[in-house]
Protein backbone atom coordinates (compact mmCIF):
# COMPACT_ATOMS: atom_id res chain seq x y z
CA MET A 1 -1.01 -7.44 -12.83
CA SER A 2 2.75 -7.50 -13.57
CA ASP A 3 4.48 -10.27 -15.01
CA ASN A 4 4.99 -12.64 -12.03
CA GLU A 5 3.36 -11.03 -8.92
CA LEU A 6 2.90 -14.57 -7.44
CA GLY A 7 6.34 -15.40 -7.36
CA LEU A 8 7.76 -11.97 -6.06
CA PHE A 9 5.21 -12.05 -3.13
CA LEU A 10 6.38 -15.87 -2.30
CA ARG A 11 10.07 -14.96 -2.65
CA ILE A 12 9.80 -11.86 -0.53
CA LYS A 13 7.79 -13.45 2.04
CA ARG A 14 10.39 -16.63 2.34
CA GLU A 15 13.21 -14.04 2.57
CA ALA A 16 11.70 -12.18 5.46
CA VAL A 17 11.24 -15.51 7.67
CA THR A 18 14.40 -16.37 9.72
CA PRO A 19 14.88 -20.02 10.48
CA ALA A 20 14.73 -19.44 14.04
CA GLU A 21 10.74 -18.01 13.42
CA VAL A 22 9.97 -21.66 12.36
CA GLY A 23 12.35 -23.58 14.87
CA LEU A 24 15.16 -24.53 12.39
CA PRO A 25 18.66 -23.86 13.17
CA ALA A 26 20.49 -20.93 11.30
CA GLY A 27 23.47 -22.70 10.12
CA ALA A 28 26.43 -21.58 8.37
CA ARG A 29 27.41 -19.82 5.32
CA ARG A 30 23.75 -18.40 5.04
CA ARG A 31 23.75 -15.78 2.31
CA THR A 32 20.48 -13.84 3.40
CA PRO A 33 18.65 -14.30 6.79
CA GLY A 34 15.53 -15.82 5.30
CA LEU A 35 14.75 -19.07 4.46
CA ARG A 36 16.28 -21.26 1.65
CA ARG A 37 13.99 -22.85 -0.64
CA SER A 38 14.83 -26.13 0.33
CA GLU A 39 13.66 -25.10 4.05
CA LEU A 40 10.43 -23.95 2.56
CA ALA A 41 9.81 -26.96 0.63
CA THR A 42 10.25 -29.08 3.59
CA LEU A 43 8.17 -27.19 5.85
CA ALA A 44 5.42 -27.03 3.36
CA GLY A 45 5.73 -30.39 2.23
CA VAL A 46 6.41 -29.73 -1.42
CA SER A 47 9.51 -30.35 -3.76
CA VAL A 48 12.42 -27.82 -3.88
CA GLU A 49 11.78 -27.62 -7.75
CA TYR A 50 8.03 -26.73 -7.07
CA ILE A 51 8.93 -23.81 -5.00
CA THR A 52 11.38 -22.72 -7.81
CA ARG A 53 9.02 -23.09 -10.44
CA MET A 54 6.46 -20.86 -8.31
CA GLU A 55 9.10 -18.30 -7.80
CA GLN A 56 10.25 -17.95 -11.41
CA GLY A 57 6.65 -17.69 -12.65
CA ARG A 58 6.66 -21.35 -14.43
CA ASP A 59 3.62 -22.73 -12.23
CA ARG A 60 1.13 -19.96 -11.41
CA HIS A 61 -1.70 -22.26 -10.42
CA PRO A 62 -1.02 -23.97 -6.98
CA SER A 63 -3.74 -25.84 -5.33
CA SER A 64 -5.50 -24.61 -2.45
CA ALA A 65 -3.60 -27.32 -0.38
CA VAL A 66 -0.30 -26.04 -1.60
CA LEU A 67 -1.29 -22.39 -0.82
CA THR A 68 -2.45 -23.17 2.67
CA ALA A 69 0.98 -25.17 3.31
CA LEU A 70 2.86 -22.44 2.02
CA ALA A 71 0.92 -19.40 4.04
CA ASP A 72 1.23 -21.97 7.33
CA ALA A 73 4.82 -22.70 6.70
CA LEU A 74 5.75 -18.82 6.17
CA HIS A 75 3.47 -17.70 9.29
CA MET A 76 1.36 -15.48 6.95
CA THR A 77 -1.07 -12.87 8.52
CA SER A 78 -4.73 -13.26 7.26
CA SER A 79 -4.29 -10.29 4.95
CA GLU A 80 -1.25 -12.08 3.46
CA ARG A 81 -3.08 -15.04 2.98
CA VAL A 82 -6.13 -13.24 1.21
CA HIS A 83 -3.27 -11.39 -1.21
CA MET A 84 -1.73 -14.72 -2.15
CA HIS A 85 -5.26 -16.05 -2.77
CA ARG A 86 -6.23 -13.06 -4.92
CA LEU A 87 -2.76 -13.12 -7.07
CA VAL A 88 -3.62 -16.86 -7.83
CA LYS A 89 -7.04 -16.06 -9.22
CA ALA A 90 -5.84 -13.32 -11.06
CA GLU A 91 -3.80 -15.82 -13.13
CA ALA A 92 -6.88 -17.66 -14.03
CA PRO A 93 -9.00 -16.67 -17.39
CA GLY A 94 -12.34 -15.55 -17.29
CA PHE A 95 -14.31 -14.24 -14.47
CA LYS A 96 -13.26 -10.68 -13.60
CA CYS A 97 -13.96 -9.31 -10.23
CA GLN A 98 -14.20 -5.61 -11.40
CA GLY A 99 -17.17 -4.69 -13.36
CA THR A 100 -15.38 -2.05 -15.14
CA VAL A 101 -11.69 -1.69 -15.76
CA GLU A 102 -11.44 1.63 -15.14
CA PRO A 103 -11.33 3.42 -11.35
CA THR A 104 -14.24 4.88 -10.21
CA ARG A 105 -14.08 8.90 -9.81
CA VAL A 106 -17.56 9.64 -8.41
CA VAL A 107 -18.05 9.48 -4.33
CA ARG A 108 -21.43 8.55 -3.18
CA PRO A 109 -23.73 11.38 -1.16
CA ALA A 110 -23.34 8.99 1.97
CA VAL A 111 -19.82 8.84 1.84
CA ARG A 112 -19.26 12.45 1.44
CA ALA A 113 -21.74 12.90 4.53
CA ILE A 114 -19.28 10.57 6.49
CA LEU A 115 -16.37 12.85 5.43
CA GLU A 116 -18.32 15.74 6.84
CA GLN A 117 -18.99 14.14 10.06
CA LEU A 118 -15.26 13.17 10.53
CA GLU A 119 -14.22 16.91 10.94
CA PRO A 120 -11.97 18.00 12.37
CA ALA A 121 -9.67 14.80 11.32
CA PRO A 122 -8.00 14.83 8.09
CA ALA A 123 -9.54 12.12 6.00
CA PHE A 124 -9.60 11.68 2.26
CA VAL A 125 -11.31 9.20 -0.29
CA VAL A 126 -8.75 7.96 -3.12
CA ASN A 127 -9.46 5.52 -5.79
CA ARG A 128 -7.09 2.41 -7.19
CA ALA A 129 -5.33 5.11 -9.65
CA SER A 130 -4.18 7.22 -6.58
CA GLU A 131 -6.52 10.07 -7.42
CA ILE A 132 -7.87 11.97 -4.35
CA LEU A 133 -11.64 12.72 -4.89
CA ALA A 134 -12.66 13.74 -1.87
CA TRP A 135 -11.56 15.12 1.51
CA THR A 136 -12.25 17.13 4.87
CA ASP A 137 -11.67 20.62 5.23
CA ALA A 138 -9.00 19.31 7.68
CA TYR A 139 -6.85 17.12 5.34
CA ARG A 140 -7.01 20.03 2.96
CA SER A 141 -5.61 22.41 5.19
CA LEU A 142 -3.26 19.96 6.06
CA MET A 143 -2.01 18.91 2.44
CA GLY A 144 -2.56 22.26 0.70
CA PRO A 145 0.65 23.78 1.63
CA THR A 146 2.71 20.80 0.85
CA GLY A 147 1.81 21.08 -2.85
CA LEU A 148 -0.46 18.01 -3.38
CA PHE A 149 -3.15 19.87 -4.71
CA ASP A 150 -0.98 22.15 -6.95
CA SER A 151 -0.29 19.78 -10.08
CA SER A 152 -3.43 17.99 -11.32
CA VAL A 153 -7.39 17.73 -10.82
CA PRO A 154 -8.00 15.47 -9.49
CA ALA A 155 -4.93 15.47 -7.05
CA ASN A 156 -3.00 12.41 -7.84
CA PHE A 157 -0.91 11.40 -4.62
CA ALA A 158 1.62 8.98 -6.54
CA ARG A 159 2.47 11.76 -9.15
CA TYR A 160 3.19 13.90 -6.31
CA MET A 161 5.25 11.71 -4.37
CA PHE A 162 7.42 10.99 -7.31
CA THR A 163 7.65 14.12 -9.34
CA ASP A 164 7.27 17.00 -6.93
CA ALA A 165 10.38 17.98 -4.82
CA ARG A 166 8.35 19.30 -2.04
CA ALA A 167 7.14 15.74 -1.16
CA ARG A 168 10.58 14.56 -0.12
CA VAL A 169 10.80 17.47 2.09
CA THR A 170 7.25 17.13 3.63
CA HIS A 171 8.01 13.15 4.17
CA PRO A 172 10.84 12.74 6.07
CA ASP A 173 10.50 9.05 5.71
CA TRP A 174 9.92 9.07 1.72
CA GLU A 175 11.73 5.97 0.69
CA HIS A 176 8.98 4.05 2.87
CA ALA A 177 6.27 6.38 1.71
CA ALA A 178 7.23 5.62 -1.85
CA ASP A 179 7.17 1.88 -1.46
CA THR A 180 3.68 2.43 0.19
CA VAL A 181 2.50 4.21 -3.12
CA VAL A 182 3.84 1.74 -5.32
CA ALA A 183 2.56 -1.19 -3.16
CA THR A 184 -1.02 0.64 -3.44
CA LEU A 185 -0.91 1.08 -7.42
CA LYS A 186 -0.29 -2.66 -7.76
CA VAL A 187 -3.14 -3.84 -5.73
CA GLY A 188 -6.18 -4.64 -8.15
CA PRO A 189 -5.88 -4.89 -11.81
CA PHE A 190 -3.01 -2.75 -11.95
CA ARG A 191 -1.66 -2.82 -15.73
CA ALA A 192 -4.98 -3.99 -16.83
CA ASP A 193 -6.59 -0.82 -15.84
CA PRO A 194 -5.90 1.62 -18.75
CA VAL A 195 -6.01 4.57 -16.11
CA VAL A 196 -3.38 3.19 -13.90
CA SER A 197 -1.28 1.78 -16.76
CA SER A 198 -0.82 5.20 -18.15
CA LEU A 199 0.06 6.59 -14.70
CA VAL A 200 2.73 4.02 -14.76
CA ASP A 201 4.04 4.54 -18.17
CA GLU A 202 4.17 8.36 -17.19
CA LEU A 203 6.13 7.69 -13.99
CA THR A 204 8.56 5.14 -15.89
CA ALA A 205 9.16 8.11 -18.32
CA THR A 206 9.49 10.88 -16.00
CA VAL A 207 11.08 9.15 -12.91
CA GLY A 208 13.03 6.22 -14.29
CA GLU A 209 14.64 3.69 -12.17
CA GLU A 210 13.60 5.21 -8.68
CA PHE A 211 10.10 4.21 -9.82
CA THR A 212 10.51 0.96 -11.82
CA ASP A 213 12.84 -0.61 -9.68
CA ARG A 214 9.87 -0.26 -6.84
CA VAL A 215 7.27 -2.00 -9.55
CA ALA A 216 9.79 -4.86 -10.05
CA ARG A 217 10.34 -5.57 -6.53
CA ILE A 218 7.56 -4.34 -4.28
CA PRO A 219 4.41 -6.68 -3.86
CA GLY A 220 0.76 -5.24 -4.10
CA LEU A 221 0.22 -5.24 -0.22
CA PRO A 222 0.65 -1.85 1.00
CA ASP A 223 0.24 -1.16 4.75
CA VAL A 224 -3.57 -0.33 5.90
CA THR A 225 -2.40 1.28 9.31
CA GLY A 226 0.63 2.81 10.88
CA ILE A 227 2.45 6.01 11.96
CA GLU A 228 3.42 8.61 9.40
CA ARG A 229 6.02 11.57 10.10
CA LEU A 230 5.13 14.79 8.12
CA ASP A 231 7.47 17.57 8.37
CA HIS A 232 5.05 20.51 7.65
CA PRO A 233 6.04 23.68 6.14
CA GLU A 234 3.67 25.60 8.59
CA VAL A 235 3.67 23.85 11.85
CA GLY A 236 6.74 21.56 11.57
CA PRO A 237 7.04 17.93 12.75
CA LEU A 238 3.72 16.02 12.82
CA ARG A 239 3.44 12.20 13.44
CA LEU A 240 -0.12 11.13 12.31
CA ALA A 241 -1.98 7.51 12.94
CA HIS A 242 -3.61 6.41 9.72
CA GLU A 243 -6.36 3.82 9.31
CA THR A 244 -7.65 2.84 5.75
CA LEU A 245 -10.82 1.87 5.07
CA GLU A 246 -11.92 -0.17 1.93
CA LEU A 247 -15.46 1.05 0.84
CA SER A 248 -17.69 -1.17 -1.12
CA ALA A 249 -16.80 -3.19 -4.10
CA ASP A 250 -18.94 -0.97 -6.14
CA ASP A 251 -16.97 1.94 -5.15
CA ASP A 252 -13.56 0.50 -5.45
CA GLN A 253 -12.35 3.41 -3.20
CA ARG A 254 -10.69 3.67 0.08
CA LEU A 255 -11.43 6.27 3.16
CA ILE A 256 -8.16 7.00 4.69
CA ILE A 257 -8.42 8.79 8.30
CA GLN A 258 -5.39 10.66 10.13
CA LEU A 259 -5.33 11.20 13.62
CA PRO A 260 -2.54 12.85 15.77
CA ALA A 261 -0.37 10.13 17.43
CA ASP A 262 1.08 12.26 20.09
CA GLU A 263 0.19 15.56 22.05
CA ALA A 264 2.44 17.79 20.17
CA SER A 265 0.95 16.54 16.99
CA ALA A 266 -2.56 17.32 18.37
CA ALA A 267 -1.68 20.65 19.43
CA ALA A 268 0.00 21.41 15.92
CA LEU A 269 -2.87 20.21 13.85
CA ASP A 270 -5.40 22.29 16.23
CA ARG A 271 -3.60 25.30 15.05
CA LEU A 272 -3.05 24.63 11.46
CA ILE A 273 -7.02 23.97 11.14
CA GLY A 274 -7.71 26.96 13.18
CA ARG A 275 -9.53 24.81 16.14
CA LYS A 276 -9.52 25.48 19.79
CA PRO A 277 -7.01 23.39 21.65
CA GLY A 278 -8.20 19.88 22.39
CA SER A 279 -10.40 19.29 19.17
CA LEU A 280 -8.35 16.52 18.20
CA ARG A 281 -6.81 14.14 20.83
CA ALA A 282 -3.78 12.05 20.21
CA VAL A 283 -4.45 8.30 19.69
CA ALA A 284 -1.97 5.51 20.02
CA GLY A 285 -0.68 3.87 16.84
């Protein structure tokens, strides 16, 4: 965990909620569109000083009642509430959820069998260190020409996104994709994981501020669904809907499935994978 993840998350959520969303007047001379600390304090029934201490990392052990009040005031989603709860628990000494601090690199046979059943959809298994451990043939056909598998074994998506120039060409929304990579790295033990910490040190040295600025300002709550755009070197523009499925806590891995988000992308993927037209059907994001 980085130094003040709870304060960072709370501040970002406060600044993302407009007064109108919580029934407050916008007022004059508002420097940011989000809530002031005083407004959040009033809504949550706590003092402004307490909000300040939390955001600055001087109070890291709020009660469950305070967390619930803050979550309600900021209209947090279920995933955001769980994330905030985990951040508070991470600050407490003693019991740790992970039995081992290092990420798991072994993919169970049953998970590999699931991947086989997912053909011809692009799908892959990744651990918290951003290492791609297993994939469908379709995913290899999709990402092989982009250079993802060229630099390391196992392929590392974070290293590829930040250090391979081809990633910026392949991902026209690179800024958002890079944000997501950092958010994903920050899920779980982060710096307490020696493998993740080593990767963070490497990218800090080789990439610099473009990486470190994101680590400082982005919370560890990545999107698990959405639409991703690719500019593929062989078949051109693609729009892919992705779904992220968490495997068991013992695995500590994620299964990510990509499906074409429109008919043009479905046809392009069929050509790329070598399947007859109609093998992959477009789905709504």
